[in-house]
Amino acid sequence: MDTMSVCAPPVRSTTSVADTRESTRGFLKSLVPAITAEDADTVVLVVSELVTNALRHGGGTCTLDLTAHPDSIEVAVHDRSPQAPRMRTPDLNGGTGGFGWPMVNHLVHATAVTRQTAGGKTVSALLTR
């Protein structure tokens, strides 16, 4: 089993999310057996959405854990907010979002939100490998 932790810096910028996407691609390229390019793109998209949501709504900082299991890839994003993600009607005109969480739930096998006793939460997503 391969594991890697990537820390997203406490910056609300596209740079930190872009760096996290690049680190995720590096992790996925190291897996044996390799996953398909399409599956890798899906994992990177899910990471991007979860990290962006954590930075935007979870207190400005987060950590990312990626775990490769024999039949799945687990993405876990930890942030400081106890608030769970919620489904909402996407804003088609105002640019306030609402697309990410429904998209993540559509792309993955399962999601879970775990509140941490020390505060904050972990949002996990399980993708088929």
Protein backbone atom coordinates (compact mmCIF):
# COMPACT_ATOMS: atom_id res chain seq x y z
CA MET A 1 0.00 0.00 0.00
CA ASP A 2 1.35 3.43 -0.98
CA THR A 3 0.63 6.51 1.12
CA MET A 4 1.57 10.15 0.87
CA SER A 5 0.64 13.31 2.74
CA VAL A 6 0.53 16.69 1.08
CA CYS A 7 -0.02 19.91 3.01
CA ALA A 8 -1.94 22.68 1.32
CA PRO A 9 -0.53 25.99 2.55
CA PRO A 10 -2.80 28.41 4.44
CA VAL A 11 -3.19 30.58 1.36
CA ARG A 12 -6.38 31.14 -0.59
CA SER A 13 -4.76 31.09 -4.01
CA THR A 14 -4.88 29.02 -7.13
CA THR A 15 -1.15 28.42 -6.65
CA SER A 16 -1.60 26.25 -3.55
CA VAL A 17 -4.36 24.21 -5.19
CA ALA A 18 -2.28 23.87 -8.37
CA ASP A 19 0.68 22.61 -6.31
CA THR A 20 -1.60 20.07 -4.62
CA ARG A 21 -2.84 18.84 -8.01
CA GLU A 22 0.76 18.44 -9.17
CA SER A 23 1.71 16.51 -6.01
CA THR A 24 -1.32 14.28 -6.51
CA ARG A 25 -0.29 13.53 -10.09
CA GLY A 26 3.19 12.60 -8.86
CA PHE A 27 1.72 10.24 -6.27
CA LEU A 28 -0.54 8.61 -8.86
CA LYS A 29 2.31 8.17 -11.35
CA SER A 30 4.28 6.24 -8.72
CA LEU A 31 1.57 3.60 -8.21
CA VAL A 32 2.14 0.01 -9.24
CA PRO A 33 0.11 -1.18 -10.94
CA ALA A 34 -0.51 2.12 -12.68
CA ILE A 35 -3.99 3.59 -12.93
CA THR A 36 -5.45 4.79 -16.22
CA ALA A 37 -5.02 8.39 -17.31
CA GLU A 38 -8.79 8.88 -17.06
CA ASP A 39 -8.88 7.55 -13.48
CA ALA A 40 -5.91 9.77 -12.57
CA ASP A 41 -7.71 12.82 -13.98
CA THR A 42 -10.76 11.96 -11.87
CA VAL A 43 -8.67 11.67 -8.69
CA VAL A 44 -6.97 15.00 -9.44
CA LEU A 45 -10.35 16.68 -10.03
CA VAL A 46 -11.73 15.34 -6.73
CA VAL A 47 -8.59 16.50 -4.86
CA SER A 48 -8.85 19.93 -6.46
CA GLU A 49 -12.51 20.33 -5.47
CA LEU A 50 -12.07 19.09 -1.90
CA VAL A 51 -8.95 21.19 -1.25
CA THR A 52 -10.54 24.28 -2.79
CA ASN A 53 -13.64 23.80 -0.62
CA ALA A 54 -11.48 23.31 2.49
CA LEU A 55 -9.50 26.48 1.80
CA ARG A 56 -12.64 28.47 0.99
CA HIS A 57 -14.97 27.17 3.70
CA GLY A 58 -12.80 25.30 6.22
CA GLY A 59 -10.67 27.94 7.83
CA GLY A 60 -8.05 28.71 5.20
CA THR A 61 -5.76 25.75 5.76
CA CYS A 62 -5.97 22.02 5.19
CA THR A 63 -3.97 18.86 4.82
CA LEU A 64 -4.42 16.17 2.22
CA ASP A 65 -3.82 12.45 2.65
CA LEU A 66 -3.84 10.12 -0.33
CA THR A 67 -3.91 6.38 0.21
CA ALA A 68 -3.73 3.73 -2.49
CA HIS A 69 -5.48 0.50 -1.60
CA PRO A 70 -5.43 -2.55 -3.90
CA ASP A 71 -8.86 -1.66 -5.37
CA SER A 72 -9.31 2.01 -4.50
CA ILE A 73 -7.76 5.42 -3.95
CA GLU A 74 -8.76 7.29 -0.80
CA VAL A 75 -8.64 11.08 -0.69
CA ALA A 76 -8.90 12.64 2.79
CA VAL A 77 -8.89 16.40 3.36
CA HIS A 78 -8.64 17.70 6.93
CA ASP A 79 -9.62 21.27 7.85
CA ARG A 80 -10.44 23.33 10.94
CA SER A 81 -14.17 23.84 10.38
CA PRO A 82 -16.74 21.51 11.97
CA GLN A 83 -19.25 22.38 9.20
CA ALA A 84 -19.94 19.48 6.83
CA PRO A 85 -20.18 20.16 3.10
CA ARG A 86 -23.75 20.54 1.93
CA MET A 87 -25.64 20.17 -1.27
CA ARG A 88 -27.00 23.45 -2.55
CA THR A 89 -28.46 24.73 -5.76
CA PRO A 90 -25.60 25.80 -8.04
CA ASP A 91 -25.46 29.52 -8.77
CA LEU A 92 -25.70 29.79 -12.55
CA ASN A 93 -25.40 33.58 -12.64
CA GLY A 94 -23.69 34.97 -9.55
CA GLY A 95 -20.51 32.93 -9.51
CA THR A 96 -20.90 31.80 -5.89
CA GLY A 97 -20.45 28.12 -6.72
CA GLY A 98 -22.44 25.14 -5.56
CA PHE A 99 -21.13 22.76 -8.23
CA GLY A 100 -18.20 21.06 -6.45
CA TRP A 101 -19.78 18.88 -3.77
CA PRO A 102 -22.46 17.41 -6.08
CA MET A 103 -19.76 16.73 -8.70
CA VAL A 104 -17.50 15.01 -6.15
CA ASN A 105 -20.37 12.79 -5.01
CA HIS A 106 -21.11 11.89 -8.63
CA LEU A 107 -17.49 10.96 -9.41
CA VAL A 108 -16.63 8.85 -6.37
CA HIS A 109 -17.77 5.53 -4.97
CA ALA A 110 -18.41 6.95 -1.48
CA THR A 111 -17.89 10.06 0.65
CA ALA A 112 -17.72 10.49 4.40
CA VAL A 113 -17.43 13.43 6.76
CA THR A 114 -15.85 12.75 10.15
CA ARG A 115 -15.76 15.39 12.87
CA GLN A 116 -12.50 15.37 14.81
CA THR A 117 -12.53 15.47 18.63
CA ALA A 118 -9.84 18.16 18.62
CA GLY A 119 -11.94 20.27 16.24
CA GLY A 120 -12.42 20.41 12.53
CA LYS A 121 -13.35 17.60 10.22
CA THR A 122 -12.10 15.17 7.62
CA VAL A 123 -13.85 14.87 4.28
CA SER A 124 -13.00 11.55 2.63
CA ALA A 125 -13.74 10.26 -0.84
CA LEU A 126 -13.19 6.73 -2.11
CA LEU A 127 -12.55 6.20 -5.81
CA THR A 128 -12.34 2.91 -7.65
CA ARG A 129 -8.81 2.08 -8.73
